N, C-alpha and C. Protein backbone atom coordinates (compact mmCIF):
# COMPACT_ATOMS: atom_id res chain seq x y z
N UNK A 1 3.63 25.51 40.00
CA UNK A 1 4.12 25.94 41.36
C UNK A 1 4.10 27.46 41.42
N UNK A 2 4.07 28.12 40.33
CA UNK A 2 4.13 29.62 40.46
C UNK A 2 2.76 30.15 41.10
N UNK A 3 1.61 29.50 40.76
CA UNK A 3 0.38 29.84 41.47
C UNK A 3 0.33 29.58 42.86
N UNK A 4 0.99 28.54 43.32
CA UNK A 4 1.09 28.16 44.74
C UNK A 4 1.92 29.22 45.43
N UNK A 5 3.03 29.73 44.78
CA UNK A 5 3.81 30.65 45.44
C UNK A 5 3.14 32.02 45.58
N UNK A 6 2.51 32.35 44.56
CA UNK A 6 1.73 33.62 44.51
C UNK A 6 0.70 33.68 45.59
N UNK A 7 -0.08 32.53 45.66
CA UNK A 7 -1.23 32.30 46.72
C UNK A 7 -0.57 32.48 48.10
N UNK A 8 0.58 31.78 48.34
CA UNK A 8 1.24 31.83 49.66
C UNK A 8 1.65 33.36 49.96
N UNK A 9 2.25 33.99 48.95
CA UNK A 9 2.73 35.33 49.17
C UNK A 9 1.61 36.29 49.54
N UNK A 10 0.59 36.22 48.82
CA UNK A 10 -0.62 37.08 49.08
C UNK A 10 -1.17 36.81 50.48
N UNK A 11 -1.36 35.59 50.80
CA UNK A 11 -1.87 35.23 52.07
C UNK A 11 -0.85 35.59 53.24
N UNK A 12 0.42 35.38 53.00
CA UNK A 12 1.36 35.69 54.02
C UNK A 12 1.48 37.21 54.33
N UNK A 13 1.39 38.02 53.38
CA UNK A 13 1.27 39.56 53.56
C UNK A 13 -0.01 39.84 54.24
N UNK A 14 -1.09 39.32 53.77
CA UNK A 14 -2.42 39.59 54.45
C UNK A 14 -2.37 39.13 55.92
N UNK A 15 -1.95 37.97 56.18
CA UNK A 15 -1.92 37.45 57.49
C UNK A 15 -0.98 38.43 58.38
N UNK A 16 0.07 38.90 57.84
CA UNK A 16 1.05 39.87 58.45
C UNK A 16 0.42 41.12 58.88
N UNK A 17 -0.30 41.65 57.90
CA UNK A 17 -0.99 42.99 58.11
C UNK A 17 -2.14 42.84 59.17
N UNK A 18 -2.92 41.79 58.95
CA UNK A 18 -4.03 41.54 59.88
C UNK A 18 -3.44 41.31 61.35
N UNK A 19 -2.33 40.57 61.41
CA UNK A 19 -1.69 40.40 62.79
C UNK A 19 -1.20 41.70 63.37
N UNK A 20 -0.62 42.47 62.50
CA UNK A 20 -0.08 43.84 63.03
C UNK A 20 -1.24 44.64 63.55
N UNK A 21 -2.38 44.59 62.84
CA UNK A 21 -3.64 45.38 63.30
C UNK A 21 -4.18 44.79 64.47
N UNK A 22 -4.12 43.45 64.62
CA UNK A 22 -4.66 42.84 65.92
C UNK A 22 -3.78 43.09 67.05
N UNK A 23 -2.44 43.00 66.90
CA UNK A 23 -1.55 43.30 68.02
C UNK A 23 -1.47 44.81 68.45
N UNK A 24 -1.42 45.69 67.37
CA UNK A 24 -1.11 47.01 67.71
C UNK A 24 -2.30 48.08 67.54
N UNK A 25 -3.45 47.60 67.16
CA UNK A 25 -4.62 48.49 67.07
C UNK A 25 -5.76 47.87 68.04
N UNK A 26 -6.15 46.61 67.73
CA UNK A 26 -7.17 46.09 68.54
C UNK A 26 -6.93 45.86 70.04
N UNK A 27 -5.75 45.10 70.25
CA UNK A 27 -5.40 44.81 71.62
C UNK A 27 -5.16 45.94 72.58
N UNK A 28 -4.35 46.91 72.04
CA UNK A 28 -4.05 48.17 72.92
C UNK A 28 -5.32 48.95 73.18
N UNK A 29 -6.17 49.08 72.13
CA UNK A 29 -7.40 49.87 72.40
C UNK A 29 -8.39 49.19 73.35
N UNK A 30 -8.40 47.85 73.32
CA UNK A 30 -9.28 47.09 74.05
C UNK A 30 -8.90 47.09 75.57
N UNK A 31 -7.58 46.94 75.80
CA UNK A 31 -7.08 46.87 77.10
C UNK A 31 -6.51 48.15 77.84
N UNK A 32 -6.02 49.02 76.97
CA UNK A 32 -5.52 50.29 77.55
C UNK A 32 -6.45 51.43 77.43
N UNK A 33 -7.36 51.41 76.49
CA UNK A 33 -8.33 52.48 76.20
C UNK A 33 -9.79 51.92 76.31
N UNK A 34 -10.19 51.27 77.17
CA UNK A 34 -11.52 50.66 77.17
C UNK A 34 -12.71 51.60 77.02
N UNK A 35 -12.56 52.79 77.51
CA UNK A 35 -13.55 53.80 77.30
C UNK A 35 -13.71 54.25 75.84
N UNK A 36 -12.63 54.14 75.09
CA UNK A 36 -12.59 54.53 73.72
C UNK A 36 -13.00 53.35 72.80
N UNK A 37 -12.73 52.13 73.29
CA UNK A 37 -13.00 50.92 72.53
C UNK A 37 -14.39 50.64 72.02
N UNK A 38 -15.34 50.49 72.84
CA UNK A 38 -16.75 50.23 72.54
C UNK A 38 -17.01 49.46 71.24
N UNK A 39 -16.24 48.31 71.08
CA UNK A 39 -16.43 47.49 69.97
C UNK A 39 -16.15 48.05 68.53
N UNK A 40 -15.52 49.19 68.45
CA UNK A 40 -15.35 49.75 67.02
C UNK A 40 -14.25 49.04 66.27
N UNK A 41 -13.34 48.21 66.86
CA UNK A 41 -12.34 47.50 66.20
C UNK A 41 -12.59 46.03 66.23
N UNK A 42 -13.77 45.50 66.53
CA UNK A 42 -14.00 44.17 66.48
C UNK A 42 -13.93 43.48 65.16
N UNK A 43 -14.09 44.28 64.10
CA UNK A 43 -14.04 43.69 62.75
C UNK A 43 -12.66 43.13 62.51
N UNK A 44 -11.55 43.67 63.17
CA UNK A 44 -10.31 43.15 62.91
C UNK A 44 -10.15 41.61 63.40
N UNK A 45 -10.66 41.36 64.56
CA UNK A 45 -10.64 39.93 65.00
C UNK A 45 -11.49 39.06 64.03
N UNK A 46 -12.57 39.48 63.53
CA UNK A 46 -13.44 38.71 62.80
C UNK A 46 -12.75 38.37 61.48
N UNK A 47 -12.24 39.45 60.78
CA UNK A 47 -11.50 39.18 59.51
C UNK A 47 -10.30 38.41 59.56
N UNK A 48 -9.55 38.66 60.74
CA UNK A 48 -8.34 37.75 60.96
C UNK A 48 -8.66 36.40 61.24
N UNK A 49 -9.78 36.09 62.00
CA UNK A 49 -10.23 34.85 62.26
C UNK A 49 -10.68 34.01 61.07
N UNK A 50 -11.20 34.65 60.09
CA UNK A 50 -11.81 33.99 58.91
C UNK A 50 -10.62 33.77 57.82
N UNK A 51 -9.69 34.63 57.88
CA UNK A 51 -8.62 34.56 56.76
C UNK A 51 -7.30 33.81 57.23
N UNK A 52 -7.04 33.82 58.53
CA UNK A 52 -5.90 33.05 59.03
C UNK A 52 -5.97 31.65 58.58
N UNK A 53 -7.00 30.87 58.56
CA UNK A 53 -6.92 29.50 58.08
C UNK A 53 -6.65 29.36 56.63
N UNK A 54 -6.95 30.38 55.90
CA UNK A 54 -6.49 30.46 54.40
C UNK A 54 -5.05 30.52 54.27
N UNK A 55 -4.40 31.31 55.24
CA UNK A 55 -2.92 31.40 55.30
C UNK A 55 -2.44 30.01 55.55
N UNK A 56 -3.01 29.39 56.58
CA UNK A 56 -2.49 28.04 56.99
C UNK A 56 -2.57 27.06 55.81
N UNK A 57 -3.53 27.08 55.09
CA UNK A 57 -3.75 26.13 53.87
C UNK A 57 -2.76 26.57 52.86
N UNK A 58 -2.58 27.82 52.60
CA UNK A 58 -1.62 28.27 51.53
C UNK A 58 -0.15 27.79 51.94
N UNK A 59 0.21 28.03 53.21
CA UNK A 59 1.54 27.62 53.68
C UNK A 59 1.70 26.03 53.64
N UNK A 60 0.72 25.31 54.04
CA UNK A 60 0.78 23.88 53.98
C UNK A 60 0.99 23.46 52.53
N UNK A 61 0.15 23.96 51.58
CA UNK A 61 0.23 23.62 50.18
C UNK A 61 1.62 23.91 49.67
N UNK A 62 2.13 25.07 49.91
CA UNK A 62 3.53 25.44 49.51
C UNK A 62 4.58 24.49 50.01
N UNK A 63 4.46 24.19 51.32
CA UNK A 63 5.41 23.22 51.96
C UNK A 63 5.37 21.91 51.34
N UNK A 64 4.27 21.44 51.12
CA UNK A 64 4.12 20.08 50.47
C UNK A 64 4.66 20.13 49.09
N UNK A 65 4.34 21.09 48.25
CA UNK A 65 4.77 21.12 46.83
C UNK A 65 6.36 21.33 46.87
N UNK A 66 6.92 22.01 47.77
CA UNK A 66 8.32 22.22 47.79
C UNK A 66 9.09 21.03 48.54
N UNK A 67 8.34 20.17 49.13
CA UNK A 67 8.96 19.00 49.90
C UNK A 67 9.77 19.35 51.12
N UNK A 68 9.25 20.41 51.78
CA UNK A 68 9.89 20.83 53.05
C UNK A 68 9.79 19.84 54.10
N UNK A 69 10.74 19.89 55.14
CA UNK A 69 10.68 18.95 56.29
C UNK A 69 9.50 19.37 57.16
N UNK A 70 9.26 18.52 58.07
CA UNK A 70 8.20 18.71 59.04
C UNK A 70 8.52 19.93 59.85
N UNK A 71 9.69 20.12 60.34
CA UNK A 71 10.11 21.28 61.16
C UNK A 71 9.95 22.56 60.40
N UNK A 72 10.44 22.62 59.10
CA UNK A 72 10.23 23.71 58.24
C UNK A 72 8.69 24.06 57.99
N UNK A 73 7.91 23.07 57.76
CA UNK A 73 6.58 23.29 57.71
C UNK A 73 5.87 23.86 58.88
N UNK A 74 6.29 23.43 60.06
CA UNK A 74 5.75 23.88 61.30
C UNK A 74 6.10 25.42 61.53
N UNK A 75 7.31 25.69 61.04
CA UNK A 75 7.82 27.21 61.14
C UNK A 75 6.97 27.97 60.24
N UNK A 76 6.82 27.46 59.06
CA UNK A 76 5.93 28.28 58.05
C UNK A 76 4.49 28.58 58.79
N UNK A 77 3.99 27.53 59.26
CA UNK A 77 2.60 27.70 59.92
C UNK A 77 2.67 28.57 61.01
N UNK A 78 3.60 28.48 61.83
CA UNK A 78 3.77 29.34 62.98
C UNK A 78 4.05 30.76 62.78
N UNK A 79 4.67 30.97 61.57
CA UNK A 79 4.98 32.37 61.20
C UNK A 79 3.78 33.23 61.13
N UNK A 80 2.62 32.63 60.90
CA UNK A 80 1.42 33.51 60.83
C UNK A 80 0.99 34.05 62.16
N UNK A 81 1.51 33.54 63.23
CA UNK A 81 1.10 33.95 64.62
C UNK A 81 1.83 35.19 65.09
N UNK A 82 2.96 35.53 64.48
CA UNK A 82 3.70 36.69 64.84
C UNK A 82 3.61 37.76 63.70
N UNK A 83 3.33 39.00 64.10
CA UNK A 83 3.01 39.93 62.94
C UNK A 83 4.07 40.08 61.83
N UNK A 84 5.30 40.14 62.16
CA UNK A 84 6.31 40.34 61.11
C UNK A 84 6.80 39.16 60.59
N UNK A 85 6.68 37.92 61.27
CA UNK A 85 7.18 36.67 60.76
C UNK A 85 6.66 36.29 59.50
N UNK A 86 5.43 36.36 59.26
CA UNK A 86 4.87 35.89 58.03
C UNK A 86 5.27 36.79 56.84
N UNK A 87 5.50 38.05 57.08
CA UNK A 87 5.96 38.91 56.06
C UNK A 87 7.44 38.61 55.76
N UNK A 88 8.17 38.29 56.85
CA UNK A 88 9.66 37.97 56.72
C UNK A 88 9.74 36.72 55.78
N UNK A 89 8.83 35.69 56.18
CA UNK A 89 8.98 34.35 55.44
C UNK A 89 8.50 34.56 54.01
N UNK A 90 7.58 35.47 53.79
CA UNK A 90 7.19 35.72 52.44
C UNK A 90 8.32 36.23 51.63
N UNK A 91 9.18 37.17 52.09
CA UNK A 91 10.33 37.68 51.45
C UNK A 91 11.30 36.62 51.15
N UNK A 92 11.41 35.81 52.12
CA UNK A 92 12.33 34.67 51.91
C UNK A 92 11.99 33.75 50.72
N UNK A 93 10.60 33.43 50.62
CA UNK A 93 10.04 32.60 49.64
C UNK A 93 10.22 33.36 48.28
N UNK A 94 10.12 34.63 48.24
CA UNK A 94 10.16 35.38 47.06
C UNK A 94 11.59 35.47 46.52
N UNK A 95 12.52 35.56 47.51
CA UNK A 95 13.93 35.59 47.12
C UNK A 95 14.41 34.20 46.65
N UNK A 96 13.95 33.06 47.17
CA UNK A 96 14.37 31.74 46.87
C UNK A 96 13.57 31.24 45.65
N UNK A 97 12.54 31.89 45.22
CA UNK A 97 11.68 31.42 44.16
C UNK A 97 12.48 31.22 42.84
N UNK A 98 12.57 29.91 42.39
CA UNK A 98 13.11 29.69 41.08
C UNK A 98 12.26 30.15 39.90
N UNK A 99 11.06 30.28 40.13
CA UNK A 99 10.04 30.64 39.09
C UNK A 99 9.72 32.14 39.13
N UNK A 100 10.67 32.94 38.72
CA UNK A 100 10.46 34.32 38.68
C UNK A 100 9.36 34.78 37.53
N UNK A 101 8.52 35.58 37.87
CA UNK A 101 7.59 35.89 36.79
C UNK A 101 6.47 36.82 37.16
């Protein structure tokens, strides 16, 4: 179980950071500063697009191992769509982790 929790924690933080970059770097420069944009931040969407499914798999694996309800599982999966939510849920998992190590 400890490996599952570590994998989820890493992916939750990664998804949160990439979401923050997507929402607060890529999107504003694309729509508010189009003359500055010229595709220089497109890598953010590519990296986010390839790694977000890894977050979903890690969250799903954790929820199955912990026997969470369907609603709780859905909330874990949806947490990756908001920038701070995945980081917040990672902190909750760390706090509630019975396998400290």
